[in-house]
């Protein structure tokens, strides 16, 4: 069963995220296993809510009820933490990781709250609203990843959350047109108004130049979060620091490419070539080694702050999609 779970998790990351799959190979075997298991659960939850398979649209077998599916994910997550037998491979994998690393329940339920925001069709008026979404779908994944690496210190967890925020801001910039085709927009409505783009017309070609400026603004907004995350790798085990620094470099490069392409950023999906990944891998290794020298600079002022540890472990209110 153990090897079956690992095979399932490996396939999930290789199909679902080629960018992170490359960096994940750098972890020590034990850490890599847990990281893959966590990714498989995150990917599974995302796919279930969206009615997809490994990030791609699947042939519909029955009417898709996202609210019911989300409620089932919440219940299965509760059962996983309770130590009950898990049939679904993704939940068996998650249970292994969550219990082995004593992962706080609030992290998992905060992540599920992000899917509730999609199901409830949350609107994002300000960049703070967008960052709140980024926290739930990616920042808290950084917290869970850090838990796997043994991080307990709140300041280091802040850096891990910052990396997740930066990743998601990059993803939003890259996927604006694709998201719009699925009826979703995570860009701040205030930014769109300033750019003269009606929210219902985000994907229209006539707005590409203005949209490119909004995307560039979002890419620039991610920079201090990437800087904060870079300063945090010194507190990770060396191989983990190498993997995280590489993932940081790869995702940041995607944002740079979005900005470079301008109005043509959505003609085809932005990514990095194998040669670029190798270069960024080497750069990540240097960053991991040099991070051991000296002390980390303070976290940049003014960054969005993740919810404190005092909030509810099982935030039912956050998961109420009708709210």
Protein backbone atom coordinates (compact mmCIF):
# COMPACT_ATOMS: atom_id res chain seq x y z
CA UNK A 1 0.00 0.00 0.00
CA UNK A 2 2.85 2.36 0.86
CA UNK A 3 4.43 2.12 -2.60
CA UNK A 4 1.04 2.43 -4.30
CA UNK A 5 0.46 5.71 -2.47
CA UNK A 6 3.87 7.03 -3.48
CA UNK A 7 3.29 6.06 -7.11
CA UNK A 8 -0.07 7.83 -7.07
CA UNK A 9 1.46 10.95 -5.54
CA UNK A 10 4.38 10.98 -7.99
CA UNK A 11 2.04 10.78 -10.97
CA UNK A 12 -0.08 13.59 -9.55
CA UNK A 13 2.80 16.04 -9.34
CA UNK A 14 4.40 15.06 -12.65
CA UNK A 15 1.13 15.69 -14.50
CA UNK A 16 -0.24 18.51 -12.39
CA UNK A 17 2.82 20.70 -11.85
CA UNK A 18 5.93 20.21 -13.96
CA UNK A 19 7.44 23.35 -12.43
CA UNK A 20 7.31 22.03 -8.87
CA UNK A 21 8.02 18.42 -9.85
CA UNK A 22 11.52 19.38 -10.95
CA UNK A 23 12.32 21.06 -7.63
CA UNK A 24 10.74 18.26 -5.59
CA UNK A 25 13.41 15.82 -6.78
CA UNK A 26 15.96 17.73 -4.71
CA UNK A 27 14.40 16.89 -1.33
CA UNK A 28 15.80 14.08 0.79
CA UNK A 29 13.87 10.82 0.17
CA UNK A 30 11.79 11.05 3.35
CA UNK A 31 10.89 14.70 2.86
CA UNK A 32 10.19 14.17 -0.83
CA UNK A 33 7.76 11.37 -0.03
CA UNK A 34 5.79 13.56 2.36
CA UNK A 35 5.84 16.52 -0.03
CA UNK A 36 4.49 14.36 -2.84
CA UNK A 37 1.79 12.93 -0.58
CA UNK A 38 0.70 16.42 0.43
CA UNK A 39 0.66 17.59 -3.17
CA UNK A 40 -1.52 14.62 -4.16
CA UNK A 41 -4.12 15.63 -1.59
CA UNK A 42 -4.07 19.31 -2.61
CA UNK A 43 -4.40 18.33 -6.29
CA UNK A 44 -7.20 15.89 -5.52
CA UNK A 45 -9.21 18.47 -3.57
CA UNK A 46 -8.79 21.05 -6.32
CA UNK A 47 -9.85 18.56 -9.00
CA UNK A 48 -12.87 17.32 -7.05
CA UNK A 49 -14.23 20.83 -6.56
CA UNK A 50 -13.57 21.80 -10.19
CA UNK A 51 -14.78 18.50 -11.67
CA UNK A 52 -11.36 17.88 -13.24
CA UNK A 53 -8.63 15.25 -13.23
CA UNK A 54 -5.05 16.36 -12.49
CA UNK A 55 -5.90 19.91 -13.50
CA UNK A 56 -7.60 19.02 -16.77
CA UNK A 57 -11.29 18.91 -17.65
CA UNK A 58 -12.62 15.37 -17.36
CA UNK A 59 -15.54 13.86 -19.20
CA UNK A 60 -18.62 14.38 -17.05
CA UNK A 61 -20.00 11.14 -15.64
CA UNK A 62 -22.76 12.78 -13.60
CA UNK A 63 -23.98 16.30 -12.75
CA UNK A 64 -21.23 18.07 -10.80
CA UNK A 65 -22.32 19.46 -7.43
CA UNK A 66 -19.31 21.44 -6.18
CA UNK A 67 -20.94 22.32 -2.85
CA UNK A 68 -21.69 18.71 -2.06
CA UNK A 69 -18.21 17.64 -3.16
CA UNK A 70 -16.60 20.29 -0.94
CA UNK A 71 -18.66 19.18 2.04
CA UNK A 72 -17.45 15.62 1.47
CA UNK A 73 -13.83 16.80 1.30
CA UNK A 74 -14.26 18.57 4.63
CA UNK A 75 -15.75 15.44 6.19
CA UNK A 76 -13.02 13.18 4.82
CA UNK A 77 -10.38 15.55 6.14
CA UNK A 78 -11.94 15.42 9.60
CA UNK A 79 -11.92 11.62 9.43
CA UNK A 80 -8.31 11.55 8.28
CA UNK A 81 -7.24 13.54 11.32
CA UNK A 82 -9.33 11.24 13.52
CA UNK A 83 -7.26 8.30 12.28
CA UNK A 84 -10.12 6.53 10.53
CA UNK A 85 -9.33 4.20 7.57
CA UNK A 86 -9.03 6.10 4.28
CA UNK A 87 -10.05 4.44 1.02
CA UNK A 88 -9.20 7.22 -1.42
CA UNK A 89 -5.44 7.19 -2.22
CA UNK A 90 -5.16 10.97 -1.91
CA UNK A 91 -6.67 10.92 1.57
CA UNK A 92 -4.63 7.92 2.66
CA UNK A 93 -1.55 9.88 1.55
CA UNK A 94 -2.71 13.01 3.36
CA UNK A 95 -3.45 11.08 6.54
CA UNK A 96 0.06 9.63 6.54
CA UNK A 97 1.61 13.09 6.19
CA UNK A 98 -0.70 14.96 8.56
CA UNK A 99 -0.35 12.49 11.41
CA UNK A 100 3.34 11.78 10.93
CA UNK A 101 4.29 15.46 11.00
CA UNK A 102 1.64 16.58 13.51
CA UNK A 103 0.36 19.05 10.92
CA UNK A 104 -2.04 21.55 12.53
CA UNK A 105 -5.62 20.88 11.48
CA UNK A 106 -6.25 24.57 10.90
CA UNK A 107 -3.83 24.49 7.94
CA UNK A 108 -5.80 21.80 6.12
CA UNK A 109 -9.16 23.42 6.79
CA UNK A 110 -7.85 26.84 5.83
CA UNK A 111 -6.85 25.29 2.50
CA UNK A 112 -10.31 23.85 1.95
CA UNK A 113 -11.73 27.32 2.72
CA UNK A 114 -10.02 28.51 -0.46
CA UNK A 115 -12.08 26.10 -2.52
CA UNK A 116 -15.16 27.40 -0.72
CA UNK A 117 -14.26 30.86 -2.04
CA UNK A 118 -14.34 29.47 -5.58
CA UNK A 119 -17.58 27.58 -5.03
CA UNK A 120 -19.18 30.66 -3.47
CA UNK A 121 -17.93 32.82 -6.37
CA UNK A 122 -16.19 35.28 -4.07
CA UNK A 123 -15.45 38.64 -5.68
CA UNK A 124 -12.14 40.41 -5.15
CA UNK A 125 -12.40 44.17 -4.84
CA UNK A 126 -8.95 44.98 -3.48
CA UNK A 127 -5.49 43.43 -3.57
CA UNK A 128 -6.03 42.49 0.08
CA UNK A 129 -9.03 40.41 -1.03
CA UNK A 130 -6.89 38.70 -3.65
CA UNK A 131 -4.18 38.02 -1.09
CA UNK A 132 -6.71 36.45 1.24
CA UNK A 133 -7.58 34.01 -1.54
CA UNK A 134 -3.89 33.43 -2.24
CA UNK A 135 -3.37 32.56 1.42
CA UNK A 136 -6.07 29.89 1.40
CA UNK A 137 -5.08 28.18 -1.84
CA UNK A 138 -1.29 28.56 -1.67
CA UNK A 139 0.05 30.40 1.38
CA UNK A 140 -1.27 27.75 3.72
CA UNK A 141 0.27 25.07 1.48
CA UNK A 142 3.59 26.75 2.27
CA UNK A 143 2.75 26.35 5.95
CA UNK A 144 1.98 22.67 5.49
CA UNK A 145 5.19 22.16 3.52
CA UNK A 146 7.16 23.89 6.25
CA UNK A 147 5.57 21.57 8.81
CA UNK A 148 6.90 18.61 6.83
CA UNK A 149 10.38 20.15 7.05
CA UNK A 150 10.09 20.47 10.82
CA UNK A 151 9.50 24.22 11.00
CA UNK A 152 7.78 25.42 14.17
CA UNK A 153 9.02 29.01 14.49
CA UNK A 154 6.28 31.52 13.62
CA UNK A 155 8.66 33.89 11.84
CA UNK A 156 9.89 31.12 9.54
CA UNK A 157 6.31 30.03 8.90
CA UNK A 158 5.57 33.61 7.81
CA UNK A 159 8.31 33.28 5.18
CA UNK A 160 6.86 29.96 3.99
CA UNK A 161 3.44 31.57 3.67
CA UNK A 162 4.98 34.47 1.74
CA UNK A 163 6.37 32.05 -0.83
CA UNK A 164 2.93 30.51 -1.33
CA UNK A 165 1.46 33.98 -1.79
CA UNK A 166 4.10 34.84 -4.37
CA UNK A 167 3.48 31.58 -6.23
CA UNK A 168 -0.24 32.23 -6.43
CA UNK A 169 0.14 35.85 -7.53
CA UNK A 170 2.34 34.52 -10.34
CA UNK A 171 -0.22 31.85 -11.20
CA UNK A 172 -3.00 34.42 -11.33
CA UNK A 173 -1.01 36.64 -13.71
CA UNK A 174 -0.17 33.68 -15.96
CA UNK A 175 -3.72 32.25 -16.00
CA UNK A 176 -5.88 35.38 -16.30
CA UNK A 177 -7.42 34.46 -19.65
CA UNK A 178 -7.78 30.75 -18.82
CA UNK A 179 -9.47 31.60 -15.51
CA UNK A 180 -11.83 34.02 -17.27
CA UNK A 181 -12.88 31.25 -19.63
CA UNK A 182 -13.90 29.29 -16.53
CA UNK A 183 -15.89 32.21 -15.18
CA UNK A 184 -13.31 33.25 -12.58
CA UNK A 185 -11.28 36.39 -12.02
CA UNK A 186 -8.92 36.85 -9.10
CA UNK A 187 -7.60 40.26 -10.13
CA UNK A 188 -8.61 43.15 -7.86
CA UNK A 189 -11.68 44.81 -9.34
CA UNK A 190 -10.21 48.19 -8.34
CA UNK A 191 -7.17 47.52 -10.52
CA UNK A 192 -9.35 46.56 -13.48
CA UNK A 193 -11.37 49.77 -13.15
CA UNK A 194 -8.18 51.80 -13.07
CA UNK A 195 -7.08 50.03 -16.27
CA UNK A 196 -10.45 50.62 -17.95
CA UNK A 197 -11.27 46.90 -18.23
CA UNK A 198 -14.86 45.82 -17.42
CA UNK A 199 -14.68 42.63 -15.31
CA UNK A 200 -16.84 40.76 -17.81
CA UNK A 201 -14.40 41.65 -20.62
CA UNK A 202 -11.09 40.60 -19.05
CA UNK A 203 -10.37 37.97 -21.71
CA UNK A 204 -11.31 40.05 -24.76
CA UNK A 205 -8.38 40.65 -27.14
CA UNK A 206 -9.08 44.40 -27.37
CA UNK A 207 -8.04 44.76 -23.71
CA UNK A 208 -4.74 42.87 -24.02
CA UNK A 209 -2.47 45.91 -23.73
CA UNK A 210 -4.26 47.17 -20.63
CA UNK A 211 -4.42 43.64 -19.21
CA UNK A 212 -0.68 43.26 -19.70
CA UNK A 213 -0.14 46.32 -17.50
CA UNK A 214 -2.38 44.85 -14.79
CA UNK A 215 -0.52 41.53 -14.99
CA UNK A 216 2.84 43.30 -14.77
CA UNK A 217 1.58 45.15 -11.70
CA UNK A 218 0.65 41.83 -10.11
CA UNK A 219 4.04 40.31 -10.97
CA UNK A 220 5.78 43.31 -9.39
CA UNK A 221 3.53 43.01 -6.34
CA UNK A 222 4.81 39.47 -5.80
CA UNK A 223 8.46 40.56 -5.61
CA UNK A 224 8.71 41.44 -1.88
CA UNK A 225 7.04 38.12 -1.08
CA UNK A 226 9.64 36.30 -3.15
CA UNK A 227 12.34 38.31 -1.34
CA UNK A 228 10.92 37.38 2.05
CA UNK A 229 10.79 33.70 1.11
CA UNK A 230 14.38 33.78 -0.13
CA UNK A 231 15.53 35.04 3.25
CA UNK A 232 13.69 32.19 4.97
CA UNK A 233 15.48 29.27 3.32
CA UNK A 234 18.40 29.57 5.74
CA UNK A 235 16.21 28.01 8.42
CA UNK A 236 15.48 24.87 6.39
CA UNK A 237 17.59 21.70 6.12
CA UNK A 238 20.12 22.16 3.31
CA UNK A 239 18.48 19.87 0.73
CA UNK A 240 15.07 21.33 1.51
CA UNK A 241 16.53 24.82 1.17
CA UNK A 242 17.89 23.85 -2.26
CA UNK A 243 14.52 22.49 -3.39
CA UNK A 244 12.57 25.49 -2.13
CA UNK A 245 15.05 27.99 -3.56
CA UNK A 246 14.79 26.24 -6.93
CA UNK A 247 10.98 26.24 -6.86
CA UNK A 248 11.09 29.93 -5.94
CA UNK A 249 13.36 30.69 -8.88
CA UNK A 250 11.26 28.71 -11.37
CA UNK A 251 7.96 30.33 -10.40
CA UNK A 252 9.49 33.78 -10.24
CA UNK A 253 10.86 33.26 -13.75
CA UNK A 254 7.35 32.48 -14.99
CA UNK A 255 6.23 35.87 -13.71
CA UNK A 256 9.17 37.54 -15.41
CA UNK A 257 8.17 35.83 -18.66
CA UNK A 258 4.55 36.98 -18.31
CA UNK A 259 5.78 40.53 -17.89
CA UNK A 260 8.25 40.24 -20.79
CA UNK A 261 5.63 38.97 -23.24
CA UNK A 262 3.28 41.85 -22.51
CA UNK A 263 0.05 41.64 -24.51
CA UNK A 264 1.13 38.27 -25.94
CA UNK A 265 1.47 36.64 -22.51
CA UNK A 266 -1.67 34.55 -23.01
CA UNK A 267 -1.10 33.42 -26.60
CA UNK A 268 0.38 30.27 -25.09
CA UNK A 269 1.02 29.17 -21.52
CA UNK A 270 4.11 30.76 -19.99
CA UNK A 271 6.65 28.37 -18.52
CA UNK A 272 10.36 27.61 -18.31
CA UNK A 273 12.43 25.41 -20.61
CA UNK A 274 14.53 22.46 -19.43
CA UNK A 275 17.66 24.55 -19.90
CA UNK A 276 16.21 27.36 -17.81
CA UNK A 277 15.18 24.91 -15.10
CA UNK A 278 18.73 23.54 -14.94
CA UNK A 279 20.15 27.05 -14.63
CA UNK A 280 17.63 27.94 -11.94
CA UNK A 281 18.40 24.67 -10.14
CA UNK A 282 22.08 25.62 -9.98
CA UNK A 283 21.18 29.12 -8.85
CA UNK A 284 19.00 27.59 -6.14
CA UNK A 285 21.91 25.47 -4.93
CA UNK A 286 24.11 28.53 -4.58
CA UNK A 287 21.34 30.35 -2.71
CA UNK A 288 20.89 27.41 -0.33
CA UNK A 289 24.60 27.30 0.46
CA UNK A 290 25.09 31.04 0.88
CA UNK A 291 21.97 31.27 3.04
CA UNK A 292 23.94 29.53 5.79
CA UNK A 293 26.16 32.60 6.05
CA UNK A 294 25.15 35.55 8.20
CA UNK A 295 21.65 36.37 9.43
CA UNK A 296 18.44 36.84 7.50
CA UNK A 297 17.22 40.40 6.86
CA UNK A 298 13.92 41.41 8.50
CA UNK A 299 10.70 40.54 6.73
CA UNK A 300 9.86 43.47 4.42
CA UNK A 301 7.42 45.88 6.07
CA UNK A 302 3.85 46.17 4.86
CA UNK A 303 3.44 42.59 3.68
CA UNK A 304 0.07 40.90 4.10
CA UNK A 305 -0.01 38.96 7.38
CA UNK A 306 -1.40 35.43 7.57
CA UNK A 307 -4.16 34.69 10.09
CA UNK A 308 -2.81 34.03 13.58
CA UNK A 309 -2.59 30.62 15.17
CA UNK A 310 -5.39 31.55 17.57
CA UNK A 311 -8.18 31.28 15.01
CA UNK A 312 -10.45 28.24 14.97
CA UNK A 313 -8.88 24.89 14.12
CA UNK A 314 -11.90 23.90 12.02
CA UNK A 315 -13.23 27.16 10.52
CA UNK A 316 -16.76 26.12 9.58
CA UNK A 317 -17.70 29.74 8.94
CA UNK A 318 -14.93 30.04 6.34
CA UNK A 319 -16.22 26.90 4.65
CA UNK A 320 -19.81 28.12 4.45
CA UNK A 321 -20.00 28.72 0.71
CA UNK A 322 -23.26 30.63 0.96
CA UNK A 323 -21.62 33.28 3.13
